[in-house]
Amino acid sequence: MLAACESSNGGASGTSAAGVASTASAPATSATGDGGPAGGQTASATTTEVRAEAVKGGGSVVTDGAGATLYRYDKDRPNPSRWTCAGECVKTWIPVIVPDSVRTVGVEKSLLGTVHRDGRKQLTLGGWPLYRYVGDTGAGQVNGQGKDGRWYAVAPGGGKSDVTG
């Protein structure tokens, strides 16, 4: 399966957080995108909120609005943002596709951005494209932490979380 995660996106280009603006409600920010699921993924693959959360096992991770942990992949590149997980890889690691609006709580808005993926925008944090792991079946789980020595829960600053899986 690791080989399937190594295919490159070739001409992907990233968008900085310049498209991120504050909202009038609470301490949330909004990122814009063209929305919709990637490559046949279901609508549940979209995100309406990203949050910094403390999780069991110590440390903080970034989660979606349902509490699912978000991950980064060491083979991706942050500057410029480039994704490499494609094909069979996206069946296990679901790209976080940005809908029309994304609220963030506890995550610095200047670190948010997007990278183009199959005509849609994948959310990035600190330049790293973000994913969900299918092995996380409930809120706060970090079952993908350290998978294949390349997948890590993302910390609120975009780095690898030190949470234990």
C-alpha atoms as a PDB file:
ATOM      1  CA  MET A   1       0.000   0.000   0.000  1.00  0.00           C
ATOM      2  CA  LEU A   2       2.865   2.398   0.637  1.00  0.00           C
ATOM      3  CA  ALA A   3       3.745   2.358  -3.054  1.00  0.00           C
ATOM      4  CA  ALA A   4       0.239   3.578  -3.852  1.00  0.00           C
ATOM      5  CA  CYS A   5       0.840   6.564  -1.590  1.00  0.00           C
ATOM      6  CA  GLU A   6       3.963   7.556  -3.457  1.00  0.00           C
ATOM      7  CA  SER A   7       2.431   8.760  -6.716  1.00  0.00           C
ATOM      8  CA  SER A   8       2.934  12.457  -7.345  1.00  0.00           C
ATOM      9  CA  ASN A   9       0.448  15.135  -8.179  1.00  0.00           C
ATOM     10  CA  GLY A  10       2.776  16.717 -10.677  1.00  0.00           C
ATOM     11  CA  GLY A  11       1.513  20.235 -11.268  1.00  0.00           C
ATOM     12  CA  ALA A  12      -0.368  20.873  -8.027  1.00  0.00           C
ATOM     13  CA  SER A  13      -0.247  24.430  -6.836  1.00  0.00           C
ATOM     14  CA  GLY A  14      -0.979  25.857  -3.437  1.00  0.00           C
ATOM     15  CA  THR A  15      -2.894  28.811  -2.151  1.00  0.00           C
ATOM     16  CA  SER A  16      -1.691  30.732   0.839  1.00  0.00           C
ATOM     17  CA  ALA A  17      -3.847  31.826   3.709  1.00  0.00           C
ATOM     18  CA  ALA A  18      -4.489  35.102   1.886  1.00  0.00           C
ATOM     19  CA  GLY A  19      -7.961  33.729   1.119  1.00  0.00           C
ATOM     20  CA  VAL A  20      -8.680  33.328   4.824  1.00  0.00           C
ATOM     21  CA  ALA A  21     -10.776  35.997   6.503  1.00  0.00           C
ATOM     22  CA  SER A  22     -12.188  36.500   9.969  1.00  0.00           C
ATOM     23  CA  THR A  23     -15.855  35.904  10.684  1.00  0.00           C
ATOM     24  CA  ALA A  24     -17.990  37.988  12.986  1.00  0.00           C
ATOM     25  CA  SER A  25     -18.842  35.125  15.331  1.00  0.00           C
ATOM     26  CA  ALA A  26     -16.721  33.872  18.220  1.00  0.00           C
ATOM     27  CA  PRO A  27     -12.962  33.257  17.836  1.00  0.00           C
ATOM     28  CA  ALA A  28     -13.422  31.518  14.507  1.00  0.00           C
ATOM     29  CA  THR A  29     -11.980  32.223  11.082  1.00  0.00           C
ATOM     30  CA  SER A  30     -13.153  31.233   7.648  1.00  0.00           C
ATOM     31  CA  ALA A  31     -11.276  29.735   4.707  1.00  0.00           C
ATOM     32  CA  THR A  32     -12.864  29.677   1.307  1.00  0.00           C
ATOM     33  CA  GLY A  33     -12.727  26.960  -1.323  1.00  0.00           C
ATOM     34  CA  ASP A  34     -14.740  25.441  -4.110  1.00  0.00           C
ATOM     35  CA  GLY A  35     -15.961  22.527  -1.996  1.00  0.00           C
ATOM     36  CA  GLY A  36     -17.091  19.022  -2.709  1.00  0.00           C
ATOM     37  CA  PRO A  37     -15.627  15.604  -2.185  1.00  0.00           C
ATOM     38  CA  ALA A  38     -12.504  14.338  -3.949  1.00  0.00           C
ATOM     39  CA  GLY A  39     -12.341  11.428  -6.339  1.00  0.00           C
ATOM     40  CA  GLY A  40     -15.672   9.809  -5.520  1.00  0.00           C
ATOM     41  CA  GLN A  41     -15.433  10.352  -1.776  1.00  0.00           C
ATOM     42  CA  THR A  42     -18.713  10.854   0.032  1.00  0.00           C
ATOM     43  CA  ALA A  43     -19.973  14.202   1.286  1.00  0.00           C
ATOM     44  CA  SER A  44     -18.781  13.272   4.775  1.00  0.00           C
ATOM     45  CA  ALA A  45     -15.257  13.852   3.460  1.00  0.00           C
ATOM     46  CA  THR A  46     -15.823  17.622   3.559  1.00  0.00           C
ATOM     47  CA  THR A  47     -14.947  19.780   6.548  1.00  0.00           C
ATOM     48  CA  THR A  48     -16.979  22.601   8.019  1.00  0.00           C
ATOM     49  CA  GLU A  49     -14.736  23.210  11.030  1.00  0.00           C
ATOM     50  CA  VAL A  50     -11.175  22.547  12.181  1.00  0.00           C
ATOM     51  CA  ARG A  51     -10.225  22.791  15.860  1.00  0.00           C
ATOM     52  CA  ALA A  52      -7.208  22.404  18.094  1.00  0.00           C
ATOM     53  CA  GLU A  53      -8.081  19.662  20.599  1.00  0.00           C
ATOM     54  CA  ALA A  54      -6.311  17.955  23.483  1.00  0.00           C
ATOM     55  CA  VAL A  55      -6.575  14.176  23.052  1.00  0.00           C
ATOM     56  CA  LYS A  56      -6.143  11.088  25.170  1.00  0.00           C
ATOM     57  CA  GLY A  57      -2.476  10.127  25.106  1.00  0.00           C
ATOM     58  CA  GLY A  58      -1.327  13.711  25.628  1.00  0.00           C
ATOM     59  CA  GLY A  59      -0.717  16.535  23.233  1.00  0.00           C
ATOM     60  CA  SER A  60      -2.881  18.602  20.952  1.00  0.00           C
ATOM     61  CA  VAL A  61      -4.066  17.717  17.475  1.00  0.00           C
ATOM     62  CA  VAL A  62      -6.181  19.375  14.844  1.00  0.00           C
ATOM     63  CA  THR A  63      -9.599  17.797  14.344  1.00  0.00           C
ATOM     64  CA  ASP A  64     -12.566  18.393  12.101  1.00  0.00           C
ATOM     65  CA  GLY A  65     -15.942  19.512  13.427  1.00  0.00           C
ATOM     66  CA  ALA A  66     -16.893  15.914  14.262  1.00  0.00           C
ATOM     67  CA  GLY A  67     -13.707  15.418  16.308  1.00  0.00           C
ATOM     68  CA  ALA A  68     -11.891  13.276  13.706  1.00  0.00           C
ATOM     69  CA  THR A  69      -8.124  13.736  13.901  1.00  0.00           C
ATOM     70  CA  LEU A  70      -6.445  15.281  10.856  1.00  0.00           C
ATOM     71  CA  TYR A  71      -3.097  13.988   9.596  1.00  0.00           C
ATOM     72  CA  ARG A  72      -0.132  15.054   7.484  1.00  0.00           C
ATOM     73  CA  TYR A  73       2.031  12.834   5.277  1.00  0.00           C
ATOM     74  CA  ASP A  74       5.832  13.138   5.336  1.00  0.00           C
ATOM     75  CA  LYS A  75       6.072  12.527   1.573  1.00  0.00           C
ATOM     76  CA  ASP A  76       3.957  15.628   0.895  1.00  0.00           C
ATOM     77  CA  ARG A  77       5.751  18.956   0.787  1.00  0.00           C
ATOM     78  CA  PRO A  78       4.722  22.117   2.605  1.00  0.00           C
ATOM     79  CA  ASN A  79       6.386  24.920   0.604  1.00  0.00           C
ATOM     80  CA  PRO A  80       5.027  24.978  -1.985  1.00  0.00           C
ATOM     81  CA  SER A  81       2.204  22.736  -0.858  1.00  0.00           C
ATOM     82  CA  ARG A  82       2.207  19.467  -2.813  1.00  0.00           C
ATOM     83  CA  TRP A  83       0.217  16.285  -2.225  1.00  0.00           C
ATOM     84  CA  THR A  84       1.525  12.829  -3.103  1.00  0.00           C
ATOM     85  CA  CYS A  85      -1.157  10.517  -1.673  1.00  0.00           C
ATOM     86  CA  ALA A  86      -3.224   9.367  -4.674  1.00  0.00           C
ATOM     87  CA  GLY A  87      -4.906   6.259  -6.081  1.00  0.00           C
ATOM     88  CA  GLU A  88      -5.258   3.503  -3.478  1.00  0.00           C
ATOM     89  CA  CYS A  89      -3.754   5.799  -0.846  1.00  0.00           C
ATOM     90  CA  VAL A  90      -6.840   8.060  -0.742  1.00  0.00           C
ATOM     91  CA  LYS A  91      -9.023   5.070   0.171  1.00  0.00           C
ATOM     92  CA  THR A  92      -7.205   4.936   3.518  1.00  0.00           C
ATOM     93  CA  TRP A  93      -6.155   8.575   3.877  1.00  0.00           C
ATOM     94  CA  ILE A  94      -9.051  10.802   2.825  1.00  0.00           C
ATOM     95  CA  PRO A  95      -8.042  14.297   1.682  1.00  0.00           C
ATOM     96  CA  VAL A  96      -9.746  17.119   3.590  1.00  0.00           C
ATOM     97  CA  ILE A  97     -11.566  18.968   0.824  1.00  0.00           C
ATOM     98  CA  VAL A  98     -12.558  22.543   1.647  1.00  0.00           C
ATOM     99  CA  PRO A  99     -16.219  23.428   1.185  1.00  0.00           C
ATOM    100  CA  ASP A 100     -17.410  27.002   0.700  1.00  0.00           C
ATOM    101  CA  SER A 101     -16.544  27.942   4.281  1.00  0.00           C
ATOM    102  CA  VAL A 102     -14.381  26.430   7.014  1.00  0.00           C
ATOM    103  CA  ARG A 103     -14.483  27.654  10.614  1.00  0.00           C
ATOM    104  CA  THR A 104     -11.362  27.308  12.728  1.00  0.00           C
ATOM    105  CA  VAL A 105     -11.070  27.394  16.502  1.00  0.00           C
ATOM    106  CA  GLY A 106      -7.661  27.419  18.186  1.00  0.00           C
ATOM    107  CA  VAL A 107      -5.792  27.186  14.885  1.00  0.00           C
ATOM    108  CA  GLU A 108      -3.930  30.262  13.604  1.00  0.00           C
ATOM    109  CA  LYS A 109      -5.721  31.477  10.469  1.00  0.00           C
ATOM    110  CA  SER A 110      -2.457  32.596   8.836  1.00  0.00           C
ATOM    111  CA  LEU A 111      -1.356  28.937   8.717  1.00  0.00           C
ATOM    112  CA  LEU A 112      -4.381  27.823   6.676  1.00  0.00           C
ATOM    113  CA  GLY A 113      -4.328  27.438   2.927  1.00  0.00           C
ATOM    114  CA  THR A 114      -5.277  25.070   0.152  1.00  0.00           C
ATOM    115  CA  VAL A 115      -3.652  23.031  -2.581  1.00  0.00           C
ATOM    116  CA  HIS A 116      -5.391  22.192  -5.856  1.00  0.00           C
ATOM    117  CA  ARG A 117      -6.462  18.552  -6.072  1.00  0.00           C
ATOM    118  CA  ASP A 118      -8.512  17.137  -8.939  1.00  0.00           C
ATOM    119  CA  GLY A 119     -10.301  20.451  -9.536  1.00  0.00           C
ATOM    120  CA  ARG A 120     -11.014  20.978  -5.838  1.00  0.00           C
ATOM    121  CA  LYS A 121      -9.111  22.496  -2.917  1.00  0.00           C
ATOM    122  CA  GLN A 122      -7.514  20.371  -0.226  1.00  0.00           C
ATOM    123  CA  LEU A 123      -7.029  22.121   3.109  1.00  0.00           C
ATOM    124  CA  THR A 124      -3.465  22.716   4.261  1.00  0.00           C
ATOM    125  CA  LEU A 125      -2.052  23.727   7.626  1.00  0.00           C
ATOM    126  CA  GLY A 126       1.439  25.176   7.739  1.00  0.00           C
ATOM    127  CA  GLY A 127       1.587  24.202   4.063  1.00  0.00           C
ATOM    128  CA  TRP A 128       0.965  20.494   4.781  1.00  0.00           C
ATOM    129  CA  PRO A 129      -2.041  18.945   2.961  1.00  0.00           C
ATOM    130  CA  LEU A 130      -4.469  17.416   5.499  1.00  0.00           C
ATOM    131  CA  TYR A 131      -6.130  13.980   5.552  1.00  0.00           C
ATOM    132  CA  ARG A 132      -8.467  11.844   7.666  1.00  0.00           C
ATOM    133  CA  TYR A 133      -7.604   8.211   8.487  1.00  0.00           C
ATOM    134  CA  VAL A 134     -10.292   5.574   7.872  1.00  0.00           C
ATOM    135  CA  GLY A 135      -9.034   3.620  10.887  1.00  0.00           C
ATOM    136  CA  ASP A 136     -10.222   6.386  13.212  1.00  0.00           C
ATOM    137  CA  THR A 137     -13.840   5.417  13.834  1.00  0.00           C
ATOM    138  CA  GLY A 138     -14.629   7.853  16.634  1.00  0.00           C
ATOM    139  CA  ALA A 139     -13.870  11.353  17.823  1.00  0.00           C
ATOM    140  CA  GLY A 140     -10.456  11.850  19.404  1.00  0.00           C
ATOM    141  CA  GLN A 141      -8.900   8.673  18.036  1.00  0.00           C
ATOM    142  CA  VAL A 142      -5.328   8.832  16.695  1.00  0.00           C
ATOM    143  CA  ASN A 143      -4.985   5.333  15.230  1.00  0.00           C
ATOM    144  CA  GLY A 144      -3.109   6.729  12.221  1.00  0.00           C
ATOM    145  CA  GLN A 145      -0.319   8.255  14.334  1.00  0.00           C
ATOM    146  CA  GLY A 146       3.052   7.018  13.053  1.00  0.00           C
ATOM    147  CA  LYS A 147       1.546   4.702  10.393  1.00  0.00           C
ATOM    148  CA  ASP A 148       4.217   3.506   7.980  1.00  0.00           C
ATOM    149  CA  GLY A 149       6.616   5.907   9.717  1.00  0.00           C
ATOM    150  CA  ARG A 150       5.253   8.728   7.540  1.00  0.00           C
ATOM    151  CA  TRP A 151       1.737   9.650   8.761  1.00  0.00           C
ATOM    152  CA  TYR A 152       1.285  11.906  11.787  1.00  0.00           C
ATOM    153  CA  ALA A 153      -1.540  13.701  13.533  1.00  0.00           C
ATOM    154  CA  VAL A 154      -1.067  17.370  12.794  1.00  0.00           C
ATOM    155  CA  ALA A 155      -0.425  19.808  15.638  1.00  0.00           C
ATOM    156  CA  PRO A 156      -2.166  23.227  15.675  1.00  0.00           C
ATOM    157  CA  GLY A 157       0.986  24.848  14.265  1.00  0.00           C
ATOM    158  CA  GLY A 158       1.172  22.426  11.308  1.00  0.00           C
ATOM    159  CA  GLY A 159       3.965  20.260  12.716  1.00  0.00           C
ATOM    160  CA  LYS A 160       3.788  16.645  13.822  1.00  0.00           C
ATOM    161  CA  SER A 161       1.836  16.114  17.026  1.00  0.00           C
ATOM    162  CA  ASP A 162       3.654  14.269  19.799  1.00  0.00           C
ATOM    163  CA  VAL A 163       0.450  12.478  20.784  1.00  0.00           C
ATOM    164  CA  THR A 164       0.764   8.700  21.223  1.00  0.00           C
ATOM    165  CA  GLY A 165      -1.514   6.513  19.125  1.00  0.00           C
END
